[in-house]
């Protein structure tokens, strides 16, 4: 199956479109395969979710006062689920 891209990611004008987008956003283009050091942010998922949604995932949904903490991490089940007899 062939995947076709339109708009900004079209092959014909991808470089010029992305360059224009970076110019309008005021972002410098990084070298190929290189990540700009100011763009790398060490942030855990709880902080990111709180920043993006405004609700803290560690606060108890029932009372709103207590904080949830990880007690145990369950391993995923291996293999297909067992079937009941026909």
PDB file of N, CA and C in Angstrom:
ATOM      1  N   UNK A   1       0.847  -1.172   0.000  1.00  0.00           N
ATOM      2  CA  UNK A   1       0.000   0.000   0.000  1.00  0.00           C
ATOM      3  C   UNK A   1       0.896   1.240   0.000  1.00  0.00           C
ATOM      4  N   UNK A   2       0.562   2.194  -0.775  1.00  0.00           N
ATOM      5  CA  UNK A   2       1.345   3.418  -0.876  1.00  0.00           C
ATOM      6  C   UNK A   2       0.748   4.484   0.047  1.00  0.00           C
ATOM      7  N   UNK A   3       1.611   5.139   0.773  1.00  0.00           N
ATOM      8  CA  UNK A   3       1.180   6.227   1.645  1.00  0.00           C
ATOM      9  C   UNK A   3       1.541   7.528   0.946  1.00  0.00           C
ATOM     10  N   UNK A   4       0.582   8.389   0.813  1.00  0.00           N
ATOM     11  CA  UNK A   4       0.818   9.676   0.146  1.00  0.00           C
ATOM     12  C   UNK A   4       0.737  10.801   1.174  1.00  0.00           C
ATOM     13  N   UNK A   5       1.638  11.745   1.047  1.00  0.00           N
ATOM     14  CA  UNK A   5       1.655  12.884   1.946  1.00  0.00           C
ATOM     15  C   UNK A   5       1.248  14.132   1.180  1.00  0.00           C
ATOM     16  N   UNK A   6       0.438  14.944   1.805  1.00  0.00           N
ATOM     17  CA  UNK A   6      -0.014  16.189   1.207  1.00  0.00           C
ATOM     18  C   UNK A   6       0.349  17.336   2.147  1.00  0.00           C
ATOM     19  N   UNK A   7       0.302  18.527   1.642  1.00  0.00           N
ATOM     20  CA  UNK A   7       0.531  19.699   2.474  1.00  0.00           C
ATOM     21  C   UNK A   7       1.992  19.898   2.811  1.00  0.00           C
ATOM     22  N   UNK A   8       2.287  20.093   4.101  1.00  0.00           N
ATOM     23  CA  UNK A   8       3.643  20.412   4.537  1.00  0.00           C
ATOM     24  C   UNK A   8       4.642  19.298   4.257  1.00  0.00           C
ATOM     25  N   UNK A   9       4.207  18.056   4.297  1.00  0.00           N
ATOM     26  CA  UNK A   9       5.134  16.945   4.140  1.00  0.00           C
ATOM     27  C   UNK A   9       5.167  16.381   2.726  1.00  0.00           C
ATOM     28  N   UNK A  10       4.592  17.074   1.761  1.00  0.00           N
ATOM     29  CA  UNK A  10       4.647  16.607   0.379  1.00  0.00           C
ATOM     30  C   UNK A  10       6.105  16.617  -0.085  1.00  0.00           C
ATOM     31  N   UNK A  11       6.512  15.605  -0.829  1.00  0.00           N
ATOM     32  CA  UNK A  11       7.905  15.481  -1.242  1.00  0.00           C
ATOM     33  C   UNK A  11       8.391  16.672  -2.053  1.00  0.00           C
ATOM     34  N   UNK A  12       7.538  17.222  -2.880  1.00  0.00           N
ATOM     35  CA  UNK A  12       7.954  18.281  -3.785  1.00  0.00           C
ATOM     36  C   UNK A  12       8.473  19.511  -3.051  1.00  0.00           C
ATOM     37  N   UNK A  13       7.829  19.905  -1.968  1.00  0.00           N
ATOM     38  CA  UNK A  13       8.233  21.144  -1.295  1.00  0.00           C
ATOM     39  C   UNK A  13       8.440  20.972   0.202  1.00  0.00           C
ATOM     40  N   UNK A  14       8.867  19.795   0.624  1.00  0.00           N
ATOM     41  CA  UNK A  14       9.042  19.528   2.051  1.00  0.00           C
ATOM     42  C   UNK A  14      10.090  20.437   2.682  1.00  0.00           C
ATOM     43  N   UNK A  15      11.256  20.557   2.070  1.00  0.00           N
ATOM     44  CA  UNK A  15      12.325  21.376   2.653  1.00  0.00           C
ATOM     45  C   UNK A  15      11.929  22.834   2.765  1.00  0.00           C
ATOM     46  N   UNK A  16      11.336  23.388   1.717  1.00  0.00           N
ATOM     47  CA  UNK A  16      10.959  24.805   1.761  1.00  0.00           C
ATOM     48  C   UNK A  16       9.820  25.043   2.742  1.00  0.00           C
ATOM     49  N   UNK A  17       8.858  24.111   2.815  1.00  0.00           N
ATOM     50  CA  UNK A  17       7.735  24.267   3.748  1.00  0.00           C
ATOM     51  C   UNK A  17       8.207  24.213   5.189  1.00  0.00           C
ATOM     52  N   UNK A  18       9.040  23.220   5.498  1.00  0.00           N
ATOM     53  CA  UNK A  18       9.520  23.104   6.867  1.00  0.00           C
ATOM     54  C   UNK A  18      10.433  24.265   7.254  1.00  0.00           C
ATOM     55  N   UNK A  19      11.233  24.740   6.298  1.00  0.00           N
ATOM     56  CA  UNK A  19      12.081  25.900   6.568  1.00  0.00           C
ATOM     57  C   UNK A  19      11.222  27.133   6.862  1.00  0.00           C
ATOM     58  N   UNK A  20      10.144  27.299   6.103  1.00  0.00           N
ATOM     59  CA  UNK A  20       9.229  28.435   6.318  1.00  0.00           C
ATOM     60  C   UNK A  20       8.529  28.310   7.669  1.00  0.00           C
ATOM     61  N   UNK A  21       8.121  27.089   8.038  1.00  0.00           N
ATOM     62  CA  UNK A  21       7.478  26.868   9.335  1.00  0.00           C
ATOM     63  C   UNK A  21       8.431  27.212  10.477  1.00  0.00           C
ATOM     64  N   UNK A  22       9.693  26.768  10.347  1.00  0.00           N
ATOM     65  CA  UNK A  22      10.679  27.088  11.389  1.00  0.00           C
ATOM     66  C   UNK A  22      10.902  28.595  11.486  1.00  0.00           C
ATOM     67  N   UNK A  23      10.913  29.257  10.323  1.00  0.00           N
ATOM     68  CA  UNK A  23      11.107  30.714  10.308  1.00  0.00           C
ATOM     69  C   UNK A  23       9.947  31.418  11.004  1.00  0.00           C
ATOM     70  N   UNK A  24       8.706  30.993  10.721  1.00  0.00           N
ATOM     71  CA  UNK A  24       7.538  31.620  11.326  1.00  0.00           C
ATOM     72  C   UNK A  24       7.446  31.335  12.825  1.00  0.00           C
ATOM     73  N   UNK A  25       7.896  30.150  13.231  1.00  0.00           N
ATOM     74  CA  UNK A  25       7.864  29.795  14.647  1.00  0.00           C
ATOM     75  C   UNK A  25       9.054  30.352  15.419  1.00  0.00           C
ATOM     76  N   UNK A  26      10.065  30.831  14.714  1.00  0.00           N
ATOM     77  CA  UNK A  26      11.243  31.379  15.368  1.00  0.00           C
ATOM     78  C   UNK A  26      12.134  30.306  15.950  1.00  0.00           C
ATOM     79  N   UNK A  27      12.163  29.135  15.315  1.00  0.00           N
ATOM     80  CA  UNK A  27      12.977  28.017  15.785  1.00  0.00           C
ATOM     81  C   UNK A  27      14.131  27.822  14.821  1.00  0.00           C
ATOM     82  N   UNK A  28      15.322  27.652  15.384  1.00  0.00           N
ATOM     83  CA  UNK A  28      16.474  27.384  14.528  1.00  0.00           C
ATOM     84  C   UNK A  28      16.443  25.925  14.110  1.00  0.00           C
ATOM     85  N   UNK A  29      16.846  25.667  12.887  1.00  0.00           N
ATOM     86  CA  UNK A  29      16.869  24.283  12.433  1.00  0.00           C
ATOM     87  C   UNK A  29      18.116  23.602  12.979  1.00  0.00           C
ATOM     88  N   UNK A  30      17.941  22.415  13.515  1.00  0.00           N
ATOM     89  CA  UNK A  30      19.063  21.634  14.026  1.00  0.00           C
ATOM     90  C   UNK A  30      19.647  20.829  12.877  1.00  0.00           C
ATOM     91  N   UNK A  31      20.909  20.459  13.003  1.00  0.00           N
ATOM     92  CA  UNK A  31      21.540  19.629  11.984  1.00  0.00           C
ATOM     93  C   UNK A  31      20.844  18.281  11.929  1.00  0.00           C
ATOM     94  N   UNK A  32      20.958  17.585  10.835  1.00  0.00           N
ATOM     95  CA  UNK A  32      20.291  16.308  10.640  1.00  0.00           C
ATOM     96  C   UNK A  32      20.710  15.317  11.721  1.00  0.00           C
ATOM     97  N   UNK A  33      19.722  14.770  12.444  1.00  0.00           N
ATOM     98  CA  UNK A  33      20.002  13.788  13.476  1.00  0.00           C
ATOM     99  C   UNK A  33      20.487  14.376  14.787  1.00  0.00           C
ATOM    100  N   UNK A  34      20.544  15.677  14.892  1.00  0.00           N
ATOM    101  CA  UNK A  34      21.046  16.325  16.100  1.00  0.00           C
ATOM    102  C   UNK A  34      19.886  17.014  16.798  1.00  0.00           C
ATOM    103  N   UNK A  35      19.817  16.897  18.104  1.00  0.00           N
ATOM    104  CA  UNK A  35      18.768  17.540  18.882  1.00  0.00           C
ATOM    105  C   UNK A  35      19.365  18.751  19.568  1.00  0.00           C
ATOM    106  N   UNK A  36      18.675  19.884  19.440  1.00  0.00           N
ATOM    107  CA  UNK A  36      19.156  21.100  20.081  1.00  0.00           C
ATOM    108  C   UNK A  36      19.131  20.915  21.600  1.00  0.00           C
ATOM    109  N   UNK A  37      20.192  21.298  22.328  1.00  0.00           N
ATOM    110  CA  UNK A  37      20.253  21.045  23.768  1.00  0.00           C
ATOM    111  C   UNK A  37      19.176  21.789  24.555  1.00  0.00           C
ATOM    112  N   UNK A  38      18.712  22.931  24.085  1.00  0.00           N
ATOM    113  CA  UNK A  38      17.693  23.661  24.826  1.00  0.00           C
ATOM    114  C   UNK A  38      16.314  23.043  24.651  1.00  0.00           C
ATOM    115  N   UNK A  39      16.123  22.145  23.681  1.00  0.00           N
ATOM    116  CA  UNK A  39      14.836  21.514  23.465  1.00  0.00           C
ATOM    117  C   UNK A  39      14.667  20.235  24.274  1.00  0.00           C
ATOM    118  N   UNK A  40      15.758  19.676  24.783  1.00  0.00           N
ATOM    119  CA  UNK A  40      15.692  18.446  25.557  1.00  0.00           C
ATOM    120  C   UNK A  40      15.333  18.808  26.990  1.00  0.00           C
ATOM    121  N   UNK A  41      14.215  18.268  27.457  1.00  0.00           N
ATOM    122  CA  UNK A  41      13.745  18.550  28.808  1.00  0.00           C
ATOM    123  C   UNK A  41      13.564  17.222  29.527  1.00  0.00           C
ATOM    124  N   UNK A  42      14.218  17.075  30.663  1.00  0.00           N
ATOM    125  CA  UNK A  42      14.041  15.880  31.470  1.00  0.00           C
ATOM    126  C   UNK A  42      12.815  16.101  32.349  1.00  0.00           C
ATOM    127  N   UNK A  43      11.737  15.378  32.021  1.00  0.00           N
ATOM    128  CA  UNK A  43      10.489  15.564  32.737  1.00  0.00           C
ATOM    129  C   UNK A  43       9.798  14.209  32.823  1.00  0.00           C
ATOM    130  N   UNK A  44       9.314  13.852  34.016  1.00  0.00           N
ATOM    131  CA  UNK A  44       8.619  12.580  34.131  1.00  0.00           C
ATOM    132  C   UNK A  44       7.176  12.727  33.637  1.00  0.00           C
ATOM    133  N   UNK A  45       6.496  11.608  33.488  1.00  0.00           N
ATOM    134  CA  UNK A  45       5.172  11.640  32.883  1.00  0.00           C
ATOM    135  C   UNK A  45       4.154  12.346  33.761  1.00  0.00           C
ATOM    136  N   UNK A  46       4.317  12.272  35.099  1.00  0.00           N
ATOM    137  CA  UNK A  46       3.376  12.951  35.987  1.00  0.00           C
ATOM    138  C   UNK A  46       3.471  14.469  35.840  1.00  0.00           C
ATOM    139  N   UNK A  47       4.690  14.980  35.775  1.00  0.00           N
ATOM    140  CA  UNK A  47       4.885  16.428  35.624  1.00  0.00           C
ATOM    141  C   UNK A  47       4.365  16.901  34.274  1.00  0.00           C
ATOM    142  N   UNK A  48       4.630  16.119  33.231  1.00  0.00           N
ATOM    143  CA  UNK A  48       4.174  16.489  31.897  1.00  0.00           C
ATOM    144  C   UNK A  48       2.651  16.503  31.825  1.00  0.00           C
ATOM    145  N   UNK A  49       1.987  15.489  32.408  1.00  0.00           N
ATOM    146  CA  UNK A  49       0.536  15.432  32.392  1.00  0.00           C
ATOM    147  C   UNK A  49      -0.062  16.581  33.190  1.00  0.00           C
ATOM    148  N   UNK A  50       0.540  16.904  34.327  1.00  0.00           N
ATOM    149  CA  UNK A  50       0.063  18.032  35.128  1.00  0.00           C
ATOM    150  C   UNK A  50       0.214  19.336  34.366  1.00  0.00           C
ATOM    151  N   UNK A  51       1.346  19.513  33.702  1.00  0.00           N
ATOM    152  CA  UNK A  51       1.577  20.747  32.943  1.00  0.00           C
ATOM    153  C   UNK A  51       0.611  20.875  31.770  1.00  0.00           C
ATOM    154  N   UNK A  52       0.348  19.776  31.068  1.00  0.00           N
ATOM    155  CA  UNK A  52      -0.491  19.840  29.876  1.00  0.00           C
ATOM    156  C   UNK A  52      -1.983  19.900  30.180  1.00  0.00           C
ATOM    157  N   UNK A  53      -2.442  19.157  31.188  1.00  0.00           N
ATOM    158  CA  UNK A  53      -3.874  19.086  31.452  1.00  0.00           C
ATOM    159  C   UNK A  53      -4.314  19.923  32.634  1.00  0.00           C
ATOM    160  N   UNK A  54      -3.393  20.216  33.544  1.00  0.00           N
ATOM    161  CA  UNK A  54      -3.765  20.997  34.717  1.00  0.00           C
ATOM    162  C   UNK A  54      -4.273  20.149  35.866  1.00  0.00           C
ATOM    163  N   UNK A  55      -4.371  18.824  35.688  1.00  0.00           N
ATOM    164  CA  UNK A  55      -4.799  17.976  36.798  1.00  0.00           C
ATOM    165  C   UNK A  55      -3.666  17.026  37.147  1.00  0.00           C
ATOM    166  N   UNK A  56      -3.443  16.868  38.432  1.00  0.00           N
ATOM    167  CA  UNK A  56      -2.345  16.045  38.936  1.00  0.00           C
ATOM    168  C   UNK A  56      -2.796  14.589  38.990  1.00  0.00           C
ATOM    169  N   UNK A  57      -2.117  13.670  38.289  1.00  0.00           N
ATOM    170  CA  UNK A  57      -2.547  12.275  38.292  1.00  0.00           C
ATOM    171  C   UNK A  57      -2.258  11.546  39.601  1.00  0.00           C
ATOM    172  N   UNK A  58      -1.474  12.143  40.493  1.00  0.00           N
ATOM    173  CA  UNK A  58      -1.160  11.481  41.752  1.00  0.00           C
ATOM    174  C   UNK A  58      -2.131  11.840  42.864  1.00  0.00           C
ATOM    175  N   UNK A  59      -3.057  12.768  42.627  1.00  0.00           N
ATOM    176  CA  UNK A  59      -4.034  13.146  43.641  1.00  0.00           C
ATOM    177  C   UNK A  59      -5.188  12.144  43.603  1.00  0.00           C
ATOM    178  N   UNK A  60      -5.654  11.731  44.749  1.00  0.00           N
ATOM    179  CA  UNK A  60      -6.735  10.760  44.866  1.00  0.00           C
ATOM    180  C   UNK A  60      -7.994  11.295  44.192  1.00  0.00           C
ATOM    181  N   UNK A  61      -8.601  10.528  43.254  1.00  0.00           N
ATOM    182  CA  UNK A  61      -9.799  11.011  42.580  1.00  0.00           C
ATOM    183  C   UNK A  61     -11.038  11.013  43.481  1.00  0.00           C
ATOM    184  N   UNK A  62     -11.002  10.296  44.588  1.00  0.00           N
ATOM    185  CA  UNK A  62     -12.167  10.217  45.474  1.00  0.00           C
ATOM    186  C   UNK A  62     -12.198  11.389  46.451  1.00  0.00           C
ATOM    187  N   UNK A  63     -11.138  11.538  47.247  1.00  0.00           N
ATOM    188  CA  UNK A  63     -11.150  12.585  48.275  1.00  0.00           C
ATOM    189  C   UNK A  63     -10.483  13.872  47.816  1.00  0.00           C
ATOM    190  N   UNK A  64      -9.586  13.793  46.831  1.00  0.00           N
ATOM    191  CA  UNK A  64      -8.921  14.987  46.330  1.00  0.00           C
ATOM    192  C   UNK A  64      -7.821  15.508  47.233  1.00  0.00           C
ATOM    193  N   UNK A  65      -7.547  14.815  48.336  1.00  0.00           N
ATOM    194  CA  UNK A  65      -6.543  15.287  49.283  1.00  0.00           C
ATOM    195  C   UNK A  65      -5.296  14.413  49.280  1.00  0.00           C
ATOM    196  N   UNK A  66      -5.498  13.108  49.357  1.00  0.00           N
ATOM    197  CA  UNK A  66      -4.369  12.192  49.456  1.00  0.00           C
ATOM    198  C   UNK A  66      -3.665  12.018  48.117  1.00  0.00           C
ATOM    199  N   UNK A  67      -2.468  11.501  48.172  1.00  0.00           N
ATOM    200  CA  UNK A  67      -1.697  11.252  46.957  1.00  0.00           C
ATOM    201  C   UNK A  67      -1.576   9.752  46.722  1.00  0.00           C
ATOM    202  N   UNK A  68      -1.749   9.345  45.479  1.00  0.00           N
ATOM    203  CA  UNK A  68      -1.599   7.950  45.097  1.00  0.00           C
ATOM    204  C   UNK A  68      -0.121   7.629  44.996  1.00  0.00           C
ATOM    205  N   UNK A  69       0.243   6.421  45.368  1.00  0.00           N
ATOM    206  CA  UNK A  69       1.632   6.011  45.247  1.00  0.00           C
ATOM    207  C   UNK A  69       1.666   4.607  44.665  1.00  0.00           C
ATOM    208  N   UNK A  70       2.731   4.293  43.974  1.00  0.00           N
ATOM    209  CA  UNK A  70       2.902   2.996  43.347  1.00  0.00           C
ATOM    210  C   UNK A  70       3.249   1.959  44.403  1.00  0.00           C
ATOM    211  N   UNK A  71       2.427   0.920  44.503  1.00  0.00           N
ATOM    212  CA  UNK A  71       2.661  -0.140  45.464  1.00  0.00           C
ATOM    213  C   UNK A  71       3.306  -1.326  44.775  1.00  0.00           C
ATOM    214  N   UNK A  72       2.780  -1.689  43.609  1.00  0.00           N
ATOM    215  CA  UNK A  72       3.298  -2.842  42.904  1.00  0.00           C
ATOM    216  C   UNK A  72       3.015  -2.664  41.417  1.00  0.00           C
ATOM    217  N   UNK A  73       3.945  -3.103  40.605  1.00  0.00           N
ATOM    218  CA  UNK A  73       3.767  -3.045  39.161  1.00  0.00           C
ATOM    219  C   UNK A  73       3.509  -4.463  38.671  1.00  0.00           C
ATOM    220  N   UNK A  74       2.370  -4.671  38.009  1.00  0.00           N
ATOM    221  CA  UNK A  74       1.999  -5.997  37.553  1.00  0.00           C
ATOM    222  C   UNK A  74       2.610  -6.269  36.193  1.00  0.00           C
ATOM    223  N   UNK A  75       3.132  -7.479  36.020  1.00  0.00           N
ATOM    224  CA  UNK A  75       3.705  -7.879  34.741  1.00  0.00           C
ATOM    225  C   UNK A  75       2.566  -8.229  33.779  1.00  0.00           C
ATOM    226  N   UNK A  76       2.746  -7.972  32.494  1.00  0.00           N
ATOM    227  CA  UNK A  76       1.704  -8.328  31.536  1.00  0.00           C
ATOM    228  C   UNK A  76       1.589  -9.842  31.428  1.00  0.00           C
ATOM    229  N   UNK A  77       0.375 -10.301  31.154  1.00  0.00           N
ATOM    230  CA  UNK A  77       0.185 -11.745  31.014  1.00  0.00           C
ATOM    231  C   UNK A  77       0.830 -12.212  29.717  1.00  0.00           C
ATOM    232  N   UNK A  78       1.362 -13.419  29.735  1.00  0.00           N
ATOM    233  CA  UNK A  78       2.047 -13.963  28.574  1.00  0.00           C
ATOM    234  C   UNK A  78       1.151 -15.008  27.927  1.00  0.00           C
ATOM    235  N   UNK A  79       1.014 -14.936  26.619  1.00  0.00           N
ATOM    236  CA  UNK A  79       0.226 -15.922  25.888  1.00  0.00           C
ATOM    237  C   UNK A  79      -1.222 -15.493  25.742  1.00  0.00           C
ATOM    238  N   UNK A  80      -1.949 -16.237  24.931  1.00  0.00           N
ATOM    239  CA  UNK A  80      -3.364 -15.896  24.705  1.00  0.00           C
ATOM    240  C   UNK A  80      -4.210 -16.236  25.923  1.00  0.00           C
ATOM    241  N   UNK A  81      -5.339 -15.564  26.092  1.00  0.00           N
ATOM    242  CA  UNK A  81      -6.209 -15.875  27.219  1.00  0.00           C
ATOM    243  C   UNK A  81      -6.823 -17.261  27.027  1.00  0.00           C
ATOM    244  N   UNK A  82      -7.114 -17.915  28.128  1.00  0.00           N
ATOM    245  CA  UNK A  82      -7.676 -19.253  28.042  1.00  0.00           C
ATOM    246  C   UNK A  82      -9.134 -19.177  27.614  1.00  0.00           C
ATOM    247  N   UNK A  83      -9.530 -20.146  26.781  1.00  0.00           N
ATOM    248  CA  UNK A  83     -10.898 -20.200  26.289  1.00  0.00           C
ATOM    249  C   UNK A  83     -11.753 -21.057  27.205  1.00  0.00           C
ATOM    250  N   UNK A  84     -13.022 -20.748  27.202  1.00  0.00           N
ATOM    251  CA  UNK A  84     -13.943 -21.611  27.918  1.00  0.00           C
ATOM    252  C   UNK A  84     -14.290 -22.793  27.004  1.00  0.00           C
ATOM    253  N   UNK A  85     -14.750 -23.912  27.574  1.00  0.00           N
ATOM    254  CA  UNK A  85     -15.066 -25.074  26.735  1.00  0.00           C
ATOM    255  C   UNK A  85     -16.232 -24.765  25.800  1.00  0.00           C
ATOM    256  N   UNK A  86     -16.240 -25.411  24.628  1.00  0.00           N
ATOM    257  CA  UNK A  86     -17.333 -25.133  23.658  1.00  0.00           C
ATOM    258  C   UNK A  86     -18.670 -25.653  24.093  1.00  0.00           C
TER     259      UNK A  86
END
